[in-house]
N, C-alpha and C. Protein backbone atom coordinates (compact mmCIF):
# COMPACT_ATOMS: atom_id res chain seq x y z
N MET A 1 132.01 27.35 45.76
CA MET A 1 132.64 26.51 44.77
C MET A 1 131.61 26.09 43.73
N SER A 2 131.98 26.20 42.48
CA SER A 2 131.09 25.84 41.38
C SER A 2 131.01 24.33 41.22
N PRO A 3 129.83 23.84 40.81
CA PRO A 3 129.73 22.40 40.54
C PRO A 3 130.57 22.05 39.32
N PRO A 4 131.03 20.81 39.22
CA PRO A 4 131.85 20.43 38.06
C PRO A 4 131.03 20.48 36.76
N ILE A 5 131.72 20.74 35.68
CA ILE A 5 131.08 20.79 34.36
C ILE A 5 131.19 19.41 33.73
N GLY A 6 130.04 18.79 33.50
CA GLY A 6 130.01 17.45 32.91
C GLY A 6 129.54 17.44 31.47
N SER A 7 128.81 18.49 31.08
CA SER A 7 128.31 18.52 29.70
C SER A 7 128.35 19.95 29.16
N ILE A 8 128.81 20.05 27.92
CA ILE A 8 128.93 21.34 27.26
C ILE A 8 128.18 21.28 25.94
N ILE A 9 127.40 22.31 25.69
CA ILE A 9 126.68 22.48 24.43
C ILE A 9 127.30 23.67 23.70
N ILE A 10 127.67 23.47 22.44
CA ILE A 10 128.15 24.56 21.60
C ILE A 10 127.14 24.73 20.46
N LYS A 11 126.57 25.94 20.35
CA LYS A 11 125.59 26.23 19.30
C LYS A 11 126.20 27.21 18.31
N PRO A 12 126.75 26.68 17.20
CA PRO A 12 127.21 27.58 16.13
C PRO A 12 126.01 28.07 15.33
N ASN A 13 126.24 28.96 14.40
CA ASN A 13 125.19 29.40 13.48
C ASN A 13 125.37 28.64 12.17
N LEU A 14 124.49 27.67 11.95
CA LEU A 14 124.50 26.89 10.70
C LEU A 14 123.14 27.04 10.04
N CYS A 15 122.76 28.26 9.79
CA CYS A 15 121.39 28.56 9.34
C CYS A 15 121.06 27.98 7.97
N TYR A 16 122.05 27.65 7.17
CA TYR A 16 121.80 27.09 5.86
C TYR A 16 123.07 26.40 5.40
N TYR A 17 123.16 26.04 4.15
CA TYR A 17 124.31 25.30 3.62
C TYR A 17 125.39 26.20 3.06
N TRP A 18 125.53 27.40 3.61
CA TRP A 18 126.54 28.33 3.15
C TRP A 18 127.85 28.07 3.89
N TYR A 19 128.95 28.01 3.15
CA TYR A 19 130.26 27.82 3.77
C TYR A 19 130.63 29.03 4.62
N ALA A 20 131.49 28.83 5.58
CA ALA A 20 131.91 29.90 6.48
C ALA A 20 132.52 31.07 5.71
N SER A 21 133.15 30.80 4.58
CA SER A 21 133.77 31.86 3.79
C SER A 21 132.76 32.89 3.28
N THR A 22 131.47 32.53 3.27
CA THR A 22 130.43 33.48 2.85
C THR A 22 130.10 34.48 3.94
N GLY A 23 130.49 34.17 5.18
CA GLY A 23 130.17 35.03 6.31
C GLY A 23 128.84 34.71 6.95
N TYR A 24 128.12 33.71 6.45
CA TYR A 24 126.80 33.39 6.96
C TYR A 24 126.77 32.32 8.04
N THR A 25 127.80 31.51 8.14
CA THR A 25 127.80 30.43 9.12
C THR A 25 129.08 30.48 9.95
N THR A 26 129.01 29.87 11.12
CA THR A 26 130.15 29.85 12.03
C THR A 26 131.24 28.93 11.46
N ASP A 27 132.43 29.46 11.39
CA ASP A 27 133.58 28.71 10.86
C ASP A 27 133.92 27.55 11.80
N PRO A 28 134.02 26.33 11.27
CA PRO A 28 134.38 25.20 12.13
C PRO A 28 135.75 25.37 12.80
N ASN A 29 136.63 26.20 12.22
CA ASN A 29 137.93 26.45 12.85
C ASN A 29 137.77 27.19 14.17
N VAL A 30 136.77 28.07 14.26
CA VAL A 30 136.49 28.79 15.51
C VAL A 30 136.01 27.79 16.56
N VAL A 31 135.10 26.90 16.16
CA VAL A 31 134.58 25.90 17.09
C VAL A 31 135.69 24.92 17.50
N GLU A 32 136.55 24.56 16.57
CA GLU A 32 137.68 23.68 16.88
C GLU A 32 138.57 24.32 17.95
N SER A 33 138.89 25.59 17.80
CA SER A 33 139.71 26.28 18.79
C SER A 33 139.03 26.34 20.14
N LEU A 34 137.72 26.54 20.13
CA LEU A 34 136.95 26.55 21.37
C LEU A 34 137.01 25.19 22.06
N ILE A 35 136.85 24.13 21.29
CA ILE A 35 136.93 22.76 21.85
C ILE A 35 138.31 22.54 22.46
N ASP A 36 139.36 22.91 21.75
CA ASP A 36 140.72 22.73 22.26
C ASP A 36 140.90 23.49 23.58
N TYR A 37 140.39 24.71 23.63
CA TYR A 37 140.50 25.51 24.85
C TYR A 37 139.75 24.83 26.00
N LEU A 38 138.51 24.42 25.75
CA LEU A 38 137.70 23.78 26.79
C LEU A 38 138.34 22.49 27.29
N ARG A 39 138.85 21.69 26.39
CA ARG A 39 139.49 20.44 26.79
C ARG A 39 140.78 20.71 27.58
N GLY A 40 141.49 21.77 27.20
CA GLY A 40 142.70 22.14 27.93
C GLY A 40 142.39 22.57 29.36
N LYS A 41 141.27 23.22 29.56
CA LYS A 41 140.88 23.70 30.89
C LYS A 41 140.11 22.66 31.70
N LEU A 42 139.27 21.86 31.03
CA LEU A 42 138.32 21.00 31.73
C LEU A 42 138.57 19.50 31.54
N GLY A 43 139.54 19.14 30.70
CA GLY A 43 139.79 17.72 30.45
C GLY A 43 138.82 17.18 29.40
N ASN A 44 138.63 15.88 29.45
CA ASN A 44 137.84 15.20 28.42
C ASN A 44 136.34 15.25 28.74
N VAL A 45 135.79 16.43 28.87
CA VAL A 45 134.39 16.64 29.17
C VAL A 45 133.55 16.36 27.92
N ALA A 46 132.31 15.91 28.12
CA ALA A 46 131.40 15.64 27.00
C ALA A 46 130.97 16.94 26.34
N ILE A 47 131.20 17.03 25.03
CA ILE A 47 130.85 18.22 24.27
C ILE A 47 129.94 17.83 23.12
N LYS A 48 128.85 18.59 22.96
CA LYS A 48 127.95 18.42 21.84
C LYS A 48 127.90 19.72 21.05
N ILE A 49 128.02 19.60 19.73
CA ILE A 49 127.77 20.70 18.83
C ILE A 49 126.34 20.51 18.35
N VAL A 50 125.51 21.53 18.53
CA VAL A 50 124.08 21.37 18.27
C VAL A 50 123.57 22.36 17.23
N GLU A 51 122.53 21.95 16.55
CA GLU A 51 121.78 22.79 15.62
C GLU A 51 120.43 22.13 15.46
N ALA A 52 119.44 22.90 15.02
CA ALA A 52 118.10 22.36 14.77
C ALA A 52 117.76 22.50 13.30
N ASP A 53 116.94 21.58 12.82
CA ASP A 53 116.46 21.67 11.45
C ASP A 53 115.70 22.98 11.26
N ALA A 54 115.69 23.46 10.03
CA ALA A 54 114.93 24.66 9.68
C ALA A 54 114.05 24.33 8.48
N THR A 55 113.23 25.26 8.10
CA THR A 55 112.30 25.05 7.00
C THR A 55 113.03 24.55 5.75
N ALA A 56 114.14 25.18 5.42
CA ALA A 56 114.85 24.83 4.19
C ALA A 56 116.24 24.24 4.46
N MET A 57 116.47 23.70 5.66
CA MET A 57 117.80 23.16 5.99
C MET A 57 117.65 21.97 6.93
N ARG A 58 118.36 20.91 6.61
CA ARG A 58 118.41 19.74 7.49
C ARG A 58 119.79 19.70 8.14
N THR A 59 119.77 19.61 9.44
CA THR A 59 120.99 19.68 10.24
C THR A 59 122.03 18.64 9.82
N LYS A 60 121.61 17.41 9.57
CA LYS A 60 122.58 16.37 9.22
C LYS A 60 123.35 16.74 7.95
N HIS A 61 122.68 17.37 7.00
CA HIS A 61 123.36 17.78 5.76
C HIS A 61 124.26 18.99 6.01
N ALA A 62 123.80 19.92 6.83
CA ALA A 62 124.64 21.10 7.15
C ALA A 62 125.91 20.66 7.87
N PHE A 63 125.78 19.77 8.86
CA PHE A 63 126.97 19.27 9.56
C PHE A 63 127.98 18.68 8.57
N GLU A 64 127.49 17.88 7.65
CA GLU A 64 128.37 17.22 6.68
C GLU A 64 128.98 18.23 5.71
N MET A 65 128.15 19.05 5.11
CA MET A 65 128.61 19.98 4.07
C MET A 65 129.55 21.06 4.60
N LEU A 66 129.35 21.48 5.86
CA LEU A 66 130.09 22.62 6.39
C LEU A 66 131.31 22.24 7.23
N GLY A 67 131.66 20.94 7.23
CA GLY A 67 132.89 20.51 7.87
C GLY A 67 132.77 20.07 9.32
N TYR A 68 131.56 20.06 9.85
CA TYR A 68 131.39 19.71 11.26
C TYR A 68 131.46 18.21 11.52
N THR A 69 131.09 17.38 10.55
CA THR A 69 131.20 15.93 10.73
C THR A 69 132.66 15.54 10.89
N GLU A 70 133.50 16.08 10.05
CA GLU A 70 134.94 15.82 10.13
C GLU A 70 135.51 16.37 11.44
N LEU A 71 135.10 17.55 11.83
CA LEU A 71 135.56 18.15 13.09
C LEU A 71 135.17 17.27 14.28
N ALA A 72 133.95 16.78 14.29
CA ALA A 72 133.47 15.95 15.40
C ALA A 72 134.29 14.68 15.52
N LYS A 73 134.58 14.04 14.40
CA LYS A 73 135.41 12.82 14.43
C LYS A 73 136.80 13.12 14.95
N GLU A 74 137.39 14.19 14.45
CA GLU A 74 138.75 14.57 14.83
C GLU A 74 138.86 14.93 16.31
N LYS A 75 137.86 15.61 16.85
CA LYS A 75 137.92 16.10 18.23
C LYS A 75 137.17 15.23 19.24
N GLY A 76 136.50 14.19 18.77
CA GLY A 76 135.78 13.30 19.69
C GLY A 76 134.61 13.98 20.38
N VAL A 77 133.87 14.78 19.61
CA VAL A 77 132.68 15.42 20.14
C VAL A 77 131.46 14.89 19.40
N GLU A 78 130.30 15.12 19.95
CA GLU A 78 129.06 14.63 19.35
C GLU A 78 128.38 15.75 18.58
N LEU A 79 127.81 15.40 17.44
CA LEU A 79 126.94 16.30 16.71
C LEU A 79 125.51 15.92 17.07
N PHE A 80 124.68 16.91 17.34
CA PHE A 80 123.33 16.59 17.81
C PHE A 80 122.30 17.51 17.17
N ASN A 81 121.26 16.90 16.60
CA ASN A 81 120.16 17.63 15.99
C ASN A 81 119.10 17.90 17.05
N LEU A 82 118.94 19.14 17.41
CA LEU A 82 117.99 19.53 18.45
C LEU A 82 116.54 19.20 18.07
N SER A 83 116.27 19.05 16.79
CA SER A 83 114.91 18.71 16.35
C SER A 83 114.53 17.27 16.70
N THR A 84 115.52 16.45 17.06
CA THR A 84 115.25 15.06 17.43
C THR A 84 115.28 14.86 18.95
N ASP A 85 115.44 15.92 19.68
CA ASP A 85 115.59 15.86 21.13
C ASP A 85 114.24 15.66 21.83
N ARG A 86 114.31 15.36 23.12
CA ARG A 86 113.12 15.36 23.96
C ARG A 86 112.70 16.82 24.08
N ILE A 87 111.44 17.09 23.77
CA ILE A 87 110.95 18.45 23.68
C ILE A 87 110.14 18.82 24.92
N ILE A 88 110.37 20.04 25.36
CA ILE A 88 109.57 20.63 26.44
C ILE A 88 108.88 21.85 25.84
N GLU A 89 107.56 21.90 25.99
CA GLU A 89 106.83 23.06 25.49
C GLU A 89 106.80 24.13 26.56
N ARG A 90 107.11 25.36 26.13
CA ARG A 90 107.10 26.50 27.04
C ARG A 90 106.36 27.65 26.39
N LYS A 91 105.51 28.30 27.17
CA LYS A 91 104.80 29.49 26.70
C LYS A 91 105.43 30.72 27.34
N ILE A 92 105.54 31.74 26.53
CA ILE A 92 106.10 33.02 26.97
C ILE A 92 105.21 34.12 26.40
N VAL A 93 105.03 35.19 27.15
CA VAL A 93 104.31 36.35 26.65
C VAL A 93 105.32 37.46 26.38
N VAL A 94 105.28 37.96 25.15
CA VAL A 94 106.14 39.06 24.73
C VAL A 94 105.26 40.05 23.97
N ASN A 95 105.28 41.30 24.42
CA ASN A 95 104.52 42.35 23.73
C ASN A 95 103.04 41.96 23.60
N ASN A 96 102.50 41.42 24.69
CA ASN A 96 101.11 40.98 24.76
C ASN A 96 100.77 39.83 23.81
N LYS A 97 101.78 39.11 23.33
CA LYS A 97 101.56 37.96 22.46
C LYS A 97 102.05 36.71 23.18
N GLU A 98 101.16 35.73 23.32
CA GLU A 98 101.55 34.46 23.92
C GLU A 98 102.16 33.58 22.82
N ILE A 99 103.36 33.10 23.07
CA ILE A 99 104.08 32.32 22.07
C ILE A 99 104.45 30.96 22.69
N LEU A 100 104.16 29.90 21.95
CA LEU A 100 104.50 28.54 22.38
C LEU A 100 105.77 28.11 21.65
N PHE A 101 106.75 27.63 22.42
CA PHE A 101 108.01 27.16 21.85
C PHE A 101 108.21 25.69 22.17
N LYS A 102 108.83 24.99 21.22
CA LYS A 102 109.29 23.62 21.44
C LYS A 102 110.78 23.72 21.76
N VAL A 103 111.10 23.49 23.03
CA VAL A 103 112.46 23.72 23.53
C VAL A 103 113.16 22.37 23.72
N PRO A 104 114.37 22.22 23.17
CA PRO A 104 115.12 20.98 23.36
C PRO A 104 115.64 20.85 24.79
N SER A 105 115.37 19.72 25.41
CA SER A 105 115.79 19.52 26.80
C SER A 105 117.31 19.48 26.95
N THR A 106 118.02 19.06 25.92
CA THR A 106 119.49 18.98 25.99
C THR A 106 120.10 20.32 26.37
N ILE A 107 119.57 21.39 25.84
CA ILE A 107 120.11 22.71 26.16
C ILE A 107 119.78 23.08 27.60
N LEU A 108 118.57 22.80 28.01
CA LEU A 108 118.16 23.13 29.38
C LEU A 108 118.97 22.35 30.41
N ASP A 109 119.40 21.14 30.06
CA ASP A 109 120.11 20.26 30.99
C ASP A 109 121.62 20.44 30.99
N ALA A 110 122.16 21.22 30.05
CA ALA A 110 123.62 21.35 29.92
C ALA A 110 124.21 22.13 31.09
N ASP A 111 125.40 21.73 31.48
CA ASP A 111 126.14 22.46 32.52
C ASP A 111 126.72 23.77 31.98
N LEU A 112 127.08 23.77 30.70
CA LEU A 112 127.66 24.95 30.08
C LEU A 112 127.11 25.05 28.66
N PHE A 113 126.46 26.15 28.35
CA PHE A 113 125.84 26.40 27.05
C PHE A 113 126.56 27.58 26.41
N ILE A 114 127.23 27.32 25.29
CA ILE A 114 128.03 28.35 24.61
C ILE A 114 127.41 28.66 23.25
N ASN A 115 127.13 29.91 23.02
CA ASN A 115 126.53 30.41 21.80
C ASN A 115 127.65 31.00 20.93
N VAL A 116 127.78 30.50 19.68
CA VAL A 116 128.83 30.98 18.77
C VAL A 116 128.16 31.47 17.48
N PRO A 117 127.55 32.66 17.54
CA PRO A 117 126.80 33.19 16.39
C PRO A 117 127.71 33.87 15.37
N LYS A 118 127.07 34.35 14.32
CA LYS A 118 127.72 35.17 13.30
C LYS A 118 127.02 36.53 13.29
N LEU A 119 127.78 37.58 13.17
CA LEU A 119 127.22 38.92 12.98
C LEU A 119 127.01 39.10 11.48
N LYS A 120 125.76 39.33 11.08
CA LYS A 120 125.45 39.50 9.66
C LYS A 120 124.17 40.30 9.53
N THR A 121 123.79 40.58 8.32
CA THR A 121 122.56 41.32 8.09
C THR A 121 121.44 40.37 7.68
N MET A 122 120.21 40.82 7.94
CA MET A 122 119.02 40.06 7.56
C MET A 122 117.92 41.09 7.32
N LYS A 123 117.21 40.94 6.22
CA LYS A 123 116.18 41.92 5.87
C LYS A 123 115.15 42.10 6.98
N ALA A 124 114.69 41.01 7.57
CA ALA A 124 113.61 41.08 8.56
C ALA A 124 114.03 41.69 9.90
N THR A 125 115.30 41.56 10.28
CA THR A 125 115.73 42.04 11.59
C THR A 125 116.86 43.07 11.52
N LYS A 126 117.28 43.44 10.36
CA LYS A 126 118.39 44.36 10.09
C LYS A 126 119.75 43.70 10.36
N ILE A 127 119.99 43.30 11.62
CA ILE A 127 121.20 42.51 11.90
C ILE A 127 120.76 41.21 12.58
N THR A 128 121.65 40.25 12.55
CA THR A 128 121.42 38.99 13.25
C THR A 128 122.73 38.59 13.91
N CYS A 129 122.62 38.15 15.14
CA CYS A 129 123.83 37.77 15.87
C CYS A 129 123.42 36.85 17.01
N ALA A 130 123.80 37.20 18.23
CA ALA A 130 123.65 36.32 19.38
C ALA A 130 122.20 35.94 19.68
N LEU A 131 121.30 36.92 19.75
CA LEU A 131 119.91 36.62 20.08
C LEU A 131 119.25 35.81 18.98
N LYS A 132 119.51 36.15 17.74
CA LYS A 132 118.90 35.44 16.60
C LYS A 132 119.43 34.02 16.51
N ASN A 133 120.68 33.77 16.88
CA ASN A 133 121.23 32.41 16.84
C ASN A 133 120.49 31.49 17.81
N ILE A 134 120.03 32.03 18.92
CA ILE A 134 119.25 31.23 19.87
C ILE A 134 117.89 30.87 19.28
N PHE A 135 117.34 31.72 18.44
CA PHE A 135 116.11 31.40 17.70
C PHE A 135 116.30 30.08 16.94
N GLY A 136 117.51 29.82 16.46
CA GLY A 136 117.82 28.58 15.75
C GLY A 136 117.77 27.34 16.63
N CYS A 137 117.64 27.51 17.93
CA CYS A 137 117.54 26.37 18.85
C CYS A 137 116.12 25.82 18.96
N ILE A 138 115.15 26.55 18.45
CA ILE A 138 113.77 26.07 18.50
C ILE A 138 113.72 24.73 17.77
N ALA A 139 113.18 23.71 18.41
CA ALA A 139 113.24 22.35 17.87
C ALA A 139 112.39 22.16 16.63
N SER A 140 111.34 22.93 16.47
CA SER A 140 110.45 22.78 15.32
C SER A 140 111.16 23.24 14.04
N PRO A 141 111.19 22.40 13.01
CA PRO A 141 111.79 22.83 11.74
C PRO A 141 111.01 23.96 11.06
N GLN A 142 109.76 24.10 11.37
CA GLN A 142 108.92 25.11 10.72
C GLN A 142 108.98 26.44 11.46
N LYS A 143 110.18 26.97 11.61
CA LYS A 143 110.34 28.25 12.29
C LYS A 143 109.71 29.40 11.51
N VAL A 144 109.43 29.17 10.26
CA VAL A 144 108.80 30.19 9.43
C VAL A 144 107.46 30.63 10.04
N ARG A 145 106.84 29.77 10.82
CA ARG A 145 105.56 30.13 11.44
C ARG A 145 105.71 31.29 12.44
N TYR A 146 106.93 31.55 12.89
CA TYR A 146 107.19 32.66 13.82
C TYR A 146 107.51 33.96 13.09
N HIS A 147 107.68 33.92 11.79
CA HIS A 147 108.18 35.09 11.06
C HIS A 147 107.24 36.30 11.13
N SER A 148 105.95 36.09 11.29
CA SER A 148 105.04 37.24 11.40
C SER A 148 105.20 37.96 12.73
N ILE A 149 105.80 37.29 13.70
CA ILE A 149 106.09 37.90 15.02
C ILE A 149 107.56 37.66 15.37
N LEU A 150 108.42 37.78 14.37
CA LEU A 150 109.83 37.40 14.53
C LEU A 150 110.52 38.12 15.69
N HIS A 151 110.32 39.41 15.83
CA HIS A 151 110.99 40.15 16.91
C HIS A 151 110.57 39.61 18.28
N GLU A 152 109.27 39.38 18.46
CA GLU A 152 108.77 38.84 19.72
C GLU A 152 109.28 37.41 19.94
N ALA A 153 109.34 36.61 18.87
CA ALA A 153 109.81 35.23 18.99
C ALA A 153 111.28 35.19 19.40
N ILE A 154 112.09 36.08 18.85
CA ILE A 154 113.52 36.13 19.24
C ILE A 154 113.64 36.48 20.72
N VAL A 155 112.89 37.47 21.17
CA VAL A 155 112.91 37.83 22.58
C VAL A 155 112.41 36.67 23.43
N GLY A 156 111.33 36.04 23.00
CA GLY A 156 110.72 34.95 23.76
C GLY A 156 111.64 33.77 23.97
N ILE A 157 112.28 33.31 22.90
CA ILE A 157 113.16 32.13 23.06
C ILE A 157 114.38 32.48 23.91
N ASN A 158 114.80 33.74 23.86
CA ASN A 158 115.92 34.16 24.71
C ASN A 158 115.52 34.33 26.17
N LYS A 159 114.24 34.44 26.45
CA LYS A 159 113.77 34.44 27.84
C LYS A 159 113.82 33.02 28.42
N ILE A 160 113.82 32.03 27.55
CA ILE A 160 113.81 30.63 27.98
C ILE A 160 115.23 30.05 28.00
N LEU A 161 115.97 30.27 26.93
CA LEU A 161 117.31 29.70 26.79
C LEU A 161 118.36 30.77 27.07
N HIS A 162 119.23 30.48 28.01
CA HIS A 162 120.22 31.46 28.45
C HIS A 162 121.64 30.91 28.31
N PRO A 163 122.34 31.27 27.25
CA PRO A 163 123.73 30.82 27.14
C PRO A 163 124.55 31.35 28.31
N HIS A 164 125.49 30.54 28.76
CA HIS A 164 126.42 30.97 29.80
C HIS A 164 127.50 31.86 29.22
N LEU A 165 127.77 31.68 27.92
CA LEU A 165 128.84 32.42 27.24
C LEU A 165 128.45 32.57 25.78
N THR A 166 128.69 33.77 25.24
CA THR A 166 128.52 34.01 23.82
C THR A 166 129.84 34.49 23.26
N ILE A 167 130.28 33.84 22.21
CA ILE A 167 131.56 34.20 21.58
C ILE A 167 131.28 34.74 20.18
C-alpha cells in the first residue's frame, strides 16, 4: 500500500515572460486541468506551483504576468519561488566534471513531483523539454554559469531531482 500523498509540487516551464500562446511557457489552462484532476482523485491536498528565478527572469513577475497568480487564487494552491527555499548543496559528477547544485528542499520533500514542460527548440541544446525543465529547478538565479557545461548540468540536476510524473 502506498503512503498517502500530502504534498504535490507542479513545475511548469516559465522560463521567461512569454505568454503560453508563444509556445515557450506552460499554459496555465493545462496546469488548471491537472489541479482539477488531482483534487478529484486526492481531495484537498496541498499543491504548490513552483519555479525558480533565472538570470533574466524573476518568478514573482512571471507568475503574475503569465496568469498563475490568478490561477492560484482561483484553485487555492500556493505559488512558490524555489530560489527562496531552504537550499541543499549537492555535487554530481557528469562526464568527468564535478558540478555543484543548489537544490530546493521543497522538491526533495514532496510526496508527488509533477513536471509540466514545453517541447520547443533552443540553440544550445537543439530541443528542450522534460530534462531541461528540471534545470529550471536549480535555486540559483545565475544559471548562466552552467551554460559552458549545459549538457552535463542538465544530466546532473536530473540525477538529483526525479519527477514522479512528466506531462
